Amino acid sequence: YSMGPARLEVPVMGVDVGRVLNVVIRGTANDQGETPLRLAIEVAAFSDLARLIKQYRVQRCVIDALPETRAARDLQSLFPAGLVWLAYYDEGDSKAGEAARWNQGYEAGGWRGTVTIDRTRMFDDLVARFMQRQNTLPANARAIPSYYAQLASPVRTLKNTEGSAGGKTVARWVKTGPDHYAHAELYCATAGLRAHRRAGAWGRGDG
């Protein structure tokens, strides 16, 4: 298949924030649980993110809260409550608890939604999605600059938490080079955990 917006589809979106903004958008899962890649791109400004959310009719976006927290909150304020969520990582025990903890409420600036992600567990789940061919790729995926290299950068290792024989051994994902698309995919997978709005939820007045 080819990338781009799909008719009547309400996809999910993940954004890693760095020198540029790495964006991944994946479509609605089919009956086999496969989620097609609709977009993988680098953009320069948060205004580009707002444009893409409207263009693709994104139902849920999870964006790295750091280091541009204020800009991420400004983006959040442009859309209805529950659409844009700010993400924070937590290196917890990947075998316990939930992969993502969602928190929301209202402040002086309006609705605020954050999600705390078990980084190790979500990377485990993300890799499993690729291995099980649930996260599918279009025919021209190798033409996306840096996508493959950054997706393959994180490596799963075992680490002793106390640096000695008496410490607890836990799994950690460690980058071996730039890994922005890997994080964008992780945030996109997180957005998919709570994707529930039906196709057509974007009405004529939305955006």
Protein backbone atom coordinates (compact mmCIF):
# COMPACT_ATOMS: atom_id res chain seq x y z
CA TYR A 1 0.00 0.00 0.00
CA SER A 2 1.04 3.64 -0.21
CA MET A 3 1.14 6.20 2.57
CA GLY A 4 -1.19 9.15 3.00
CA PRO A 5 -4.62 9.89 4.50
CA ALA A 6 -7.23 7.17 4.04
CA ARG A 7 -10.91 7.91 3.55
CA LEU A 8 -13.07 7.54 6.68
CA GLU A 9 -10.03 6.54 8.75
CA VAL A 10 -9.28 8.13 12.13
CA PRO A 11 -5.65 7.17 12.82
CA VAL A 12 -3.35 7.65 15.82
CA MET A 13 -0.18 9.72 15.98
CA GLY A 14 3.07 9.72 17.94
CA VAL A 15 5.60 12.56 18.10
CA ASP A 16 9.17 12.57 19.41
CA VAL A 17 10.50 16.04 20.22
CA GLY A 18 14.13 16.92 19.57
CA ARG A 19 16.02 19.16 17.18
CA VAL A 20 13.15 18.38 14.81
CA LEU A 21 9.79 16.73 15.41
CA ASN A 22 9.61 13.11 14.30
CA VAL A 23 6.04 12.13 13.46
CA VAL A 24 4.50 8.69 12.97
CA ILE A 25 0.84 8.21 12.02
CA ARG A 26 -0.72 4.75 11.86
CA GLY A 27 -4.15 3.85 10.58
CA THR A 28 -7.06 2.02 12.12
CA ALA A 29 -6.41 -1.65 12.87
CA ASN A 30 -8.09 -4.10 10.50
CA ASP A 31 -9.70 -7.40 11.51
CA GLN A 32 -6.25 -9.02 11.82
CA GLY A 33 -4.99 -6.23 14.08
CA GLU A 34 -2.71 -4.77 11.41
CA THR A 35 -2.11 -1.03 11.60
CA PRO A 36 -0.75 0.48 8.35
CA LEU A 37 1.86 3.23 8.40
CA ARG A 38 0.24 6.36 6.99
CA LEU A 39 3.08 8.81 7.59
CA ALA A 40 6.64 8.95 8.95
CA ILE A 41 8.17 12.38 8.60
CA GLU A 42 10.33 15.05 10.23
CA VAL A 43 8.77 18.50 10.62
CA ALA A 44 10.23 21.69 12.01
CA ALA A 45 7.41 23.35 13.94
CA PHE A 46 4.49 22.57 16.22
CA SER A 47 2.23 24.36 13.74
CA ASP A 48 3.08 21.51 11.33
CA LEU A 49 1.78 19.03 13.92
CA ALA A 50 -1.54 20.87 14.14
CA ARG A 51 -1.83 20.80 10.35
CA LEU A 52 -1.14 17.06 10.20
CA ILE A 53 -3.65 16.28 12.97
CA LYS A 54 -6.33 18.05 10.92
CA GLN A 55 -5.21 16.69 7.56
CA TYR A 56 -5.20 13.06 8.75
CA ARG A 57 -8.17 13.48 11.10
CA VAL A 58 -6.15 12.02 13.98
CA GLN A 59 -8.26 10.66 16.82
CA ARG A 60 -5.47 10.56 19.41
CA CYS A 61 -1.95 11.97 19.54
CA VAL A 62 0.72 11.21 22.13
CA ILE A 63 3.63 13.65 22.13
CA ASP A 64 6.88 13.78 24.07
CA ALA A 65 6.34 16.28 26.90
CA LEU A 66 10.03 17.17 27.12
CA PRO A 67 11.82 19.41 26.47
CA GLU A 68 9.18 21.65 24.82
CA THR A 69 6.44 21.30 27.45
CA ARG A 70 4.93 24.73 26.86
CA ALA A 71 4.72 24.23 23.09
CA ALA A 72 3.21 20.77 23.61
CA ARG A 73 0.59 22.22 25.95
CA ASP A 74 -0.20 24.95 23.43
CA LEU A 75 -0.78 22.24 20.83
CA GLN A 76 -2.99 20.37 23.28
CA SER A 77 -5.12 23.46 23.83
CA LEU A 78 -5.92 23.73 20.10
CA PHE A 79 -7.93 20.50 20.08
CA PRO A 80 -10.82 18.90 21.99
CA ALA A 81 -10.14 17.29 25.35
CA GLY A 82 -8.70 13.80 24.99
CA LEU A 83 -7.08 14.25 21.59
CA VAL A 84 -3.51 15.36 22.45
CA TRP A 85 -1.69 13.77 25.41
CA LEU A 86 1.73 14.73 26.82
CA ALA A 87 3.97 11.73 27.50
CA TYR A 88 6.53 11.06 30.24
CA TYR A 89 8.68 7.95 30.64
CA ASP A 90 8.97 5.81 33.75
CA GLU A 91 11.54 3.02 34.04
CA GLY A 92 9.37 0.73 36.13
CA ASP A 93 9.20 -3.04 36.34
CA SER A 94 8.02 -4.04 32.87
CA LYS A 95 6.31 -7.16 34.25
CA ALA A 96 4.05 -5.32 36.67
CA GLY A 97 1.32 -2.73 36.41
CA GLU A 98 0.03 -1.07 33.27
CA ALA A 99 2.11 -0.13 30.26
CA ALA A 100 0.63 3.37 30.34
CA ARG A 101 -1.07 5.40 33.08
CA TRP A 102 -3.43 8.13 31.88
CA ASN A 103 -4.18 11.24 33.93
CA GLN A 104 -6.40 14.16 33.06
CA GLY A 105 -8.01 17.19 34.62
CA TYR A 106 -8.74 20.87 34.18
CA GLU A 107 -6.44 23.73 35.11
CA ALA A 108 -6.53 27.46 34.52
CA GLY A 109 -5.30 26.89 30.99
CA GLY A 110 -8.03 24.36 30.24
CA TRP A 111 -8.00 20.59 29.87
CA ARG A 112 -4.71 18.82 30.55
CA GLY A 113 -3.95 15.20 29.77
CA THR A 114 -0.72 13.31 30.46
CA VAL A 115 0.35 9.70 30.06
CA THR A 116 3.18 8.05 32.00
CA ILE A 117 4.68 5.21 29.98
CA ASP A 118 6.57 2.18 31.22
CA ARG A 119 9.37 2.64 28.68
CA THR A 120 10.70 -0.91 28.79
CA ARG A 121 7.34 -2.60 28.58
CA MET A 122 6.12 -0.40 25.72
CA PHE A 123 9.33 -0.98 23.75
CA ASP A 124 8.82 -4.72 24.30
CA ASP A 125 5.25 -4.42 23.04
CA LEU A 126 6.30 -2.27 20.09
CA VAL A 127 8.94 -4.74 18.91
CA ALA A 128 6.41 -7.56 19.27
CA ARG A 129 4.00 -5.65 17.02
CA PHE A 130 6.61 -5.49 14.28
CA MET A 131 7.67 -9.11 14.72
CA GLN A 132 4.04 -10.27 14.56
CA ARG A 133 3.42 -8.09 11.48
CA GLN A 134 0.80 -5.98 13.19
CA ASN A 135 2.74 -2.78 12.54
CA THR A 136 2.92 -3.06 8.77
CA LEU A 137 5.04 -1.00 6.37
CA PRO A 138 4.32 0.29 2.86
CA ALA A 139 6.28 -0.80 -0.18
CA ASN A 140 8.35 2.40 -0.17
CA ALA A 141 9.24 2.35 3.54
CA ARG A 142 12.98 2.08 2.85
CA ALA A 143 12.82 5.43 1.07
CA ILE A 144 11.89 7.24 4.32
CA PRO A 145 15.10 9.03 5.40
CA SER A 146 16.57 7.60 8.65
CA TYR A 147 13.44 5.58 9.47
CA TYR A 148 14.93 2.08 9.42
CA ALA A 149 18.20 3.08 11.10
CA GLN A 150 16.46 4.91 13.94
CA LEU A 151 13.89 2.17 14.43
CA ALA A 152 16.70 -0.38 14.84
CA SER A 153 18.79 1.79 17.18
CA PRO A 154 17.37 0.70 20.59
CA VAL A 155 18.84 -2.57 21.87
CA ARG A 156 17.40 -4.59 24.76
CA THR A 157 19.95 -5.23 27.53
CA LEU A 158 19.94 -6.57 31.08
CA LYS A 159 21.12 -4.21 33.78
CA ASN A 160 21.90 -4.68 37.47
CA THR A 161 20.08 -1.92 39.34
CA GLU A 162 22.64 -1.75 42.16
CA GLY A 163 25.76 -2.43 40.15
CA SER A 164 26.64 -5.51 42.16
CA ALA A 165 25.82 -9.21 42.43
CA GLY A 166 23.19 -8.42 45.06
CA GLY A 167 21.25 -6.04 42.85
CA LYS A 168 18.13 -6.74 40.85
CA THR A 169 18.55 -7.52 37.15
CA VAL A 170 16.09 -5.65 34.94
CA ALA A 171 15.63 -5.19 31.20
CA ARG A 172 16.39 -1.83 29.64
CA TRP A 173 16.32 -0.52 26.07
CA VAL A 174 19.54 1.38 25.25
CA LYS A 175 20.04 3.40 22.09
CA THR A 176 23.06 2.74 19.87
CA GLY A 177 22.52 5.87 17.77
CA PRO A 178 19.74 8.34 16.91
CA ASP A 179 16.41 6.71 17.76
CA HIS A 180 13.78 9.40 17.26
CA TYR A 181 11.52 7.35 14.98
CA ALA A 182 11.62 4.47 17.47
CA HIS A 183 10.21 6.78 20.14
CA ALA A 184 7.67 8.24 17.72
CA GLU A 185 6.49 4.70 16.99
CA LEU A 186 6.32 3.98 20.72
CA TYR A 187 4.20 7.09 21.34
CA CYS A 188 1.99 6.11 18.39
CA ALA A 189 1.53 2.61 19.85
CA THR A 190 0.62 4.21 23.19
CA ALA A 191 -1.97 6.39 21.47
CA GLY A 192 -3.44 3.21 20.00
CA LEU A 193 -4.03 1.77 23.46
CA ARG A 194 -6.91 4.19 24.01
CA ALA A 195 -8.03 4.79 20.46
CA HIS A 196 -11.78 4.42 20.53
CA ARG A 197 -13.42 7.19 18.55
CA ARG A 198 -15.41 5.86 15.62
CA ALA A 199 -14.74 6.80 12.01
CA GLY A 200 -16.53 10.00 11.19
CA ALA A 201 -16.04 11.47 14.65
CA TRP A 202 -14.43 14.45 12.88
CA GLY A 203 -17.48 16.41 11.77
CA ARG A 204 -17.72 19.28 9.31
CA GLY A 205 -16.92 21.79 12.02
CA ASP A 206 -13.81 20.02 13.32
CA GLY A 207 -10.48 21.64 12.53
